Amino acid sequence: MVFKGLIGFPITPIKESKVDLPILDKIREHLDQSGLDAIGVLGSTGSFAYLDENERERVMACWSKASTPWIAGVSATTTGEAIRQCKAANYHGAQGVIANAFSYVPLKENELQRYFLEIAEHSPLPLCVYDNPVNTGQTLSFTLLETLASHPNIRAIKAFAQSNNEALHSKLSALNWQAGYAVDANCCEAMIKGGKAWFSTLAGTMPELLVPIMNAIKQTEYDKARESHQALSQLFELMREHSGFRLMHALANHKGWQCELPSPLILPQIADLEKVLGS
């Protein structure tokens, strides 16, 4: 099952409004040697919403060279495009796909159900449903999640971890899928308390910071994991201030992976970044 463990979501580097494939190669090589359990390609951090279908397939073709298992974001404003993305991901060697409720017009409950179930029905790969109200403006009801979890090809849920995640995990893990979590600041404790996957924004750019924490959790060295996670609190605060999307691009540039944010977004100038990273 690919929806398990620490899954890092890398940026898709953009230069002059186009995907920079040489930089993407460098990112792939770095993550491929990092010890991640899986890689999440073309997620929100990977600029999927700013790329057309051809560009997204070029990105998948690049990741097809990875030895680490990877999943592909297939969210789209139409179900047909999302299904085409599923088939492209399968062709290029992904082991799963992930989708959120991406739509210009807010979707009603029956439309959300239709969107996810049609993707699941036509995808040759297992689907993870991403409940992402911050970016989509839509929250998936628990009644809908119960329906989605009953589909045999919907194998996982990605939800926002809470500071106290036990009640949420109890509900989600009772359904017929793997319950995994986003929000790096809360995920260490969520994993200690039973989460199956840590869907990480930070690990897609700086896996070296989170792989040791995930390894400590796997070895039930929980105090060690918590201590290492707490040491990253300033980074988590910067993510809250600037958004993970903006900060990961700033960190990528700091690492020498020169890239731009898609216009009209502006790369943040973070004066204390080197101090926060200890470099």
Protein backbone atom coordinates (compact mmCIF):
# COMPACT_ATOMS: atom_id res chain seq x y z
CA MET A 1 0.00 0.00 0.00
CA VAL A 2 1.57 3.27 -1.13
CA PHE A 3 -0.52 5.51 1.16
CA LYS A 4 1.57 4.75 4.22
CA GLY A 5 4.51 6.23 6.11
CA LEU A 6 6.16 9.57 5.31
CA ILE A 7 5.08 10.90 1.92
CA GLY A 8 6.88 14.04 0.78
CA PHE A 9 5.21 16.44 -1.66
CA PRO A 10 7.82 18.30 -3.75
CA ILE A 11 7.43 21.53 -5.65
CA THR A 12 7.34 21.53 -9.44
CA PRO A 13 10.02 24.11 -10.33
CA ILE A 14 8.87 26.77 -12.75
CA LYS A 15 11.03 29.15 -14.76
CA GLU A 16 9.59 31.73 -17.15
CA SER A 17 6.14 30.13 -16.77
CA LYS A 18 7.36 26.67 -17.82
CA VAL A 19 8.36 23.56 -15.91
CA ASP A 20 12.13 23.54 -15.41
CA LEU A 21 12.93 19.90 -16.08
CA PRO A 22 16.69 20.07 -15.26
CA ILE A 23 15.86 21.41 -11.77
CA LEU A 24 13.08 18.84 -11.42
CA ASP A 25 15.65 16.13 -12.16
CA LYS A 26 17.77 17.43 -9.27
CA ILE A 27 14.78 17.43 -6.92
CA ARG A 28 13.86 13.88 -7.96
CA GLU A 29 17.42 12.64 -7.39
CA HIS A 30 17.54 14.27 -3.95
CA LEU A 31 14.21 12.84 -2.79
CA ASP A 32 14.97 9.44 -4.29
CA GLN A 33 17.94 9.08 -1.94
CA SER A 34 16.27 10.57 1.14
CA GLY A 35 14.55 7.60 2.74
CA LEU A 36 10.99 8.77 2.14
CA ASP A 37 8.38 6.01 2.08
CA ALA A 38 6.73 7.62 -0.95
CA ILE A 39 6.66 10.84 -2.96
CA GLY A 40 3.55 12.85 -3.81
CA VAL A 41 3.88 14.40 -7.25
CA LEU A 42 1.68 17.24 -8.54
CA GLY A 43 -0.02 17.96 -5.27
CA SER A 44 -0.95 21.43 -4.11
CA THR A 45 2.74 22.03 -3.32
CA GLY A 46 3.57 20.75 -6.79
CA SER A 47 1.60 23.54 -8.54
CA PHE A 48 -0.87 21.17 -10.21
CA ALA A 49 -3.47 23.96 -10.40
CA TYR A 50 -1.12 26.11 -12.49
CA LEU A 51 -0.15 23.46 -15.05
CA ASP A 52 -2.01 22.24 -18.13
CA GLU A 53 -2.48 18.56 -18.92
CA ASN A 54 0.60 18.33 -21.14
CA GLU A 55 2.82 19.92 -18.52
CA ARG A 56 1.48 17.61 -15.84
CA GLU A 57 2.28 14.60 -17.98
CA ARG A 58 5.82 15.89 -18.58
CA VAL A 59 6.24 16.09 -14.81
CA MET A 60 4.98 12.51 -14.42
CA ALA A 61 7.41 11.36 -17.11
CA CYS A 62 10.26 12.87 -15.08
CA TRP A 63 9.14 11.10 -11.91
CA SER A 64 8.83 7.81 -13.79
CA LYS A 65 12.62 7.55 -13.32
CA ALA A 66 12.31 7.47 -9.52
CA SER A 67 12.98 4.26 -7.62
CA THR A 68 10.93 5.47 -4.61
CA PRO A 69 7.19 4.70 -4.90
CA TRP A 70 5.22 7.77 -5.94
CA ILE A 71 1.65 8.94 -6.19
CA ALA A 72 0.24 11.59 -8.52
CA GLY A 73 -2.18 14.40 -7.85
CA VAL A 74 -5.03 14.18 -10.36
CA SER A 75 -7.35 16.92 -9.12
CA ALA A 76 -9.09 18.78 -11.93
CA THR A 77 -12.11 20.99 -12.52
CA THR A 78 -13.70 18.26 -14.67
CA THR A 79 -14.02 14.59 -13.88
CA GLY A 80 -12.89 13.69 -17.40
CA GLU A 81 -9.58 15.46 -16.98
CA ALA A 82 -9.02 13.86 -13.58
CA ILE A 83 -9.59 10.41 -15.10
CA ARG A 84 -7.14 11.18 -17.93
CA GLN A 85 -4.60 12.18 -15.30
CA CYS A 86 -5.16 8.84 -13.53
CA LYS A 87 -4.43 6.97 -16.74
CA ALA A 88 -1.34 9.09 -17.42
CA ALA A 89 -0.10 8.41 -13.88
CA ASN A 90 -0.56 4.69 -14.38
CA TYR A 91 1.29 4.82 -17.72
CA HIS A 92 4.26 6.58 -16.11
CA GLY A 93 4.54 4.16 -13.20
CA ALA A 94 2.77 5.81 -10.27
CA GLN A 95 1.42 3.47 -7.61
CA GLY A 96 -1.55 5.58 -6.57
CA VAL A 97 -3.40 8.83 -7.16
CA ILE A 98 -4.78 11.54 -4.90
CA ALA A 99 -7.58 14.04 -5.58
CA ASN A 100 -9.27 16.91 -3.80
CA ALA A 101 -12.51 18.74 -4.57
CA PHE A 102 -10.97 21.18 -7.05
CA SER A 103 -13.68 23.29 -8.68
CA TYR A 104 -14.35 26.91 -9.66
CA VAL A 105 -18.07 26.52 -8.93
CA PRO A 106 -18.64 25.14 -5.40
CA LEU A 107 -19.83 21.55 -5.61
CA LYS A 108 -22.94 20.21 -3.92
CA GLU A 109 -22.81 17.00 -1.91
CA ASN A 110 -24.12 14.83 -4.74
CA GLU A 111 -21.63 16.44 -7.16
CA LEU A 112 -18.73 15.79 -4.81
CA GLN A 113 -19.82 12.18 -4.51
CA ARG A 114 -20.09 11.83 -8.27
CA TYR A 115 -16.63 13.39 -8.79
CA PHE A 116 -14.77 11.09 -6.41
CA LEU A 117 -16.69 7.92 -7.25
CA GLU A 118 -16.27 8.37 -11.00
CA ILE A 119 -12.54 8.90 -10.56
CA ALA A 120 -12.34 5.80 -8.38
CA GLU A 121 -14.39 3.75 -10.85
CA HIS A 122 -12.26 4.64 -13.87
CA SER A 123 -8.81 4.95 -12.31
CA PRO A 124 -6.46 2.00 -12.87
CA LEU A 125 -4.70 3.05 -9.65
CA PRO A 126 -5.96 3.21 -6.04
CA LEU A 127 -7.31 6.61 -5.01
CA CYS A 128 -6.69 8.69 -1.91
CA VAL A 129 -9.35 11.31 -1.17
CA TYR A 130 -7.95 14.61 0.10
CA ASP A 131 -10.23 16.68 2.31
CA ASN A 132 -8.63 20.11 1.82
CA PRO A 133 -11.06 22.87 2.86
CA VAL A 134 -8.33 25.54 3.05
CA ASN A 135 -7.54 25.42 -0.67
CA THR A 136 -10.82 24.15 -2.09
CA GLY A 137 -13.22 26.04 0.18
CA GLN A 138 -15.17 22.81 0.64
CA THR A 139 -15.31 20.40 3.54
CA LEU A 140 -16.29 16.80 2.89
CA SER A 141 -19.04 15.70 5.27
CA PHE A 142 -18.59 12.55 7.30
CA THR A 143 -21.65 11.08 5.59
CA LEU A 144 -19.91 11.58 2.24
CA LEU A 145 -16.67 10.12 3.57
CA GLU A 146 -18.54 7.01 4.72
CA THR A 147 -19.91 6.57 1.19
CA LEU A 148 -16.52 7.11 -0.43
CA ALA A 149 -14.74 4.73 1.93
CA SER A 150 -17.07 1.93 0.84
CA HIS A 151 -15.73 2.03 -2.73
CA PRO A 152 -13.10 -0.71 -3.18
CA ASN A 153 -10.72 1.54 -5.14
CA ILE A 154 -10.75 4.40 -2.60
CA ARG A 155 -8.04 3.20 -0.28
CA ALA A 156 -7.09 6.21 1.84
CA ILE A 157 -8.09 9.59 3.23
CA LYS A 158 -5.79 12.59 3.65
CA ALA A 159 -7.18 14.97 6.25
CA PHE A 160 -5.84 17.94 8.19
CA ALA A 161 -4.38 16.75 11.49
CA GLN A 162 -5.67 18.60 14.52
CA SER A 163 -3.52 19.66 17.50
CA ASN A 164 -5.44 16.95 19.38
CA ASN A 165 -6.13 14.42 16.65
CA GLU A 166 -7.51 11.46 18.58
CA ALA A 167 -11.22 12.12 17.99
CA LEU A 168 -10.75 12.73 14.27
CA HIS A 169 -8.57 9.65 13.88
CA SER A 170 -11.08 7.52 15.75
CA LYS A 171 -13.79 8.47 13.24
CA LEU A 172 -11.68 8.22 10.08
CA SER A 173 -9.87 5.00 10.97
CA ALA A 174 -13.18 3.25 11.67
CA LEU A 175 -13.91 3.42 7.93
CA ASN A 176 -12.60 1.01 5.32
CA TRP A 177 -9.40 2.84 4.36
CA GLN A 178 -6.03 4.09 5.58
CA ALA A 179 -6.33 7.34 7.57
CA GLY A 180 -3.43 9.73 6.94
CA TYR A 181 -2.78 13.36 7.76
CA ALA A 182 -1.41 16.67 6.52
CA VAL A 183 -0.27 19.78 8.46
CA ASP A 184 3.34 19.10 9.43
CA ALA A 185 3.06 20.96 12.72
CA ASN A 186 0.51 18.39 13.99
CA CYS A 187 1.51 15.22 12.18
CA CYS A 188 4.15 13.87 14.52
CA GLU A 189 1.62 13.38 17.30
CA ALA A 190 -1.03 12.21 14.81
CA MET A 191 1.31 9.44 13.67
CA ILE A 192 2.24 8.47 17.20
CA LYS A 193 -1.49 8.16 17.97
CA GLY A 194 -2.17 5.81 15.05
CA GLY A 195 -2.08 7.70 11.75
CA LYS A 196 -1.04 5.55 8.80
CA ALA A 197 0.45 8.25 6.58
CA TRP A 198 2.15 11.60 7.09
CA PHE A 199 1.44 13.59 3.92
CA SER A 200 4.18 16.18 4.29
CA THR A 201 4.73 19.53 2.60
CA LEU A 202 8.12 20.05 4.26
CA ALA A 203 9.44 16.56 3.50
CA GLY A 204 9.03 17.19 -0.22
CA THR A 205 11.76 19.82 -0.09
CA MET A 206 13.73 19.00 3.06
CA PRO A 207 13.17 15.30 3.74
CA GLU A 208 16.34 15.26 5.81
CA LEU A 209 14.44 17.09 8.56
CA LEU A 210 11.49 14.70 8.81
CA VAL A 211 12.78 11.25 7.78
CA PRO A 212 14.62 10.86 11.14
CA ILE A 213 11.41 11.79 12.97
CA MET A 214 9.40 9.23 11.01
CA ASN A 215 12.09 6.60 11.67
CA ALA A 216 11.94 7.34 15.39
CA ILE A 217 8.15 6.91 15.33
CA LYS A 218 8.49 3.59 13.51
CA GLN A 219 10.91 2.45 16.24
CA THR A 220 8.49 3.68 18.96
CA GLU A 221 11.08 6.21 20.14
CA TYR A 222 8.34 8.73 20.72
CA ASP A 223 10.20 11.13 23.03
CA LYS A 224 12.99 11.41 20.47
CA ALA A 225 10.48 12.03 17.69
CA ARG A 226 8.66 14.71 19.68
CA GLU A 227 11.90 16.48 20.62
CA SER A 228 13.12 16.57 17.00
CA HIS A 229 9.71 17.72 15.81
CA GLN A 230 9.56 20.52 18.38
CA ALA A 231 12.94 21.77 17.13
CA LEU A 232 11.25 22.60 13.81
CA SER A 233 8.62 24.87 15.38
CA GLN A 234 10.05 28.04 13.78
CA LEU A 235 9.76 26.46 10.33
CA PHE A 236 6.16 25.48 11.04
CA GLU A 237 5.43 29.04 12.10
CA LEU A 238 6.88 30.33 8.81
CA MET A 239 4.62 27.88 6.97
CA ARG A 240 1.60 29.29 8.79
CA GLU A 241 2.70 32.85 8.05
CA HIS A 242 3.57 32.53 4.37
CA SER A 243 1.78 29.24 3.42
CA GLY A 244 3.62 25.99 2.88
CA PHE A 245 3.48 26.53 -0.90
CA ARG A 246 5.36 29.83 -0.76
CA LEU A 247 7.82 28.70 1.90
CA MET A 248 8.78 25.52 0.04
CA HIS A 249 9.69 27.60 -3.00
CA ALA A 250 11.81 29.87 -0.78
CA LEU A 251 13.51 26.80 0.71
CA ALA A 252 14.07 25.33 -2.76
CA ASN A 253 15.85 28.50 -3.84
CA HIS A 254 17.87 28.39 -0.62
CA LYS A 255 18.98 24.87 -1.57
CA GLY A 256 20.04 26.07 -5.04
CA TRP A 257 16.99 24.79 -6.91
CA GLN A 258 16.24 28.10 -8.58
CA CYS A 259 12.53 28.47 -9.27
CA GLU A 260 9.72 30.99 -9.44
CA LEU A 261 6.21 31.06 -8.09
CA PRO A 262 3.52 31.07 -10.75
CA SER A 263 2.32 34.64 -11.33
CA PRO A 264 0.68 36.49 -9.63
CA LEU A 265 2.16 34.83 -6.52
CA ILE A 266 5.30 36.46 -5.13
CA LEU A 267 8.20 34.62 -3.55
CA PRO A 268 8.49 35.71 0.10
CA GLN A 269 11.65 37.38 1.33
CA ILE A 270 12.45 35.73 4.65
CA ALA A 271 15.33 37.49 6.36
CA ASP A 272 15.86 34.93 9.11
CA LEU A 273 15.59 31.77 7.00
CA GLU A 274 19.26 30.83 7.35
CA LYS A 275 19.05 31.28 11.11
CA VAL A 276 15.94 29.11 11.30
CA LEU A 277 17.67 26.39 9.28
CA GLY A 278 20.84 26.69 11.32
CA SER A 279 22.92 27.43 8.22
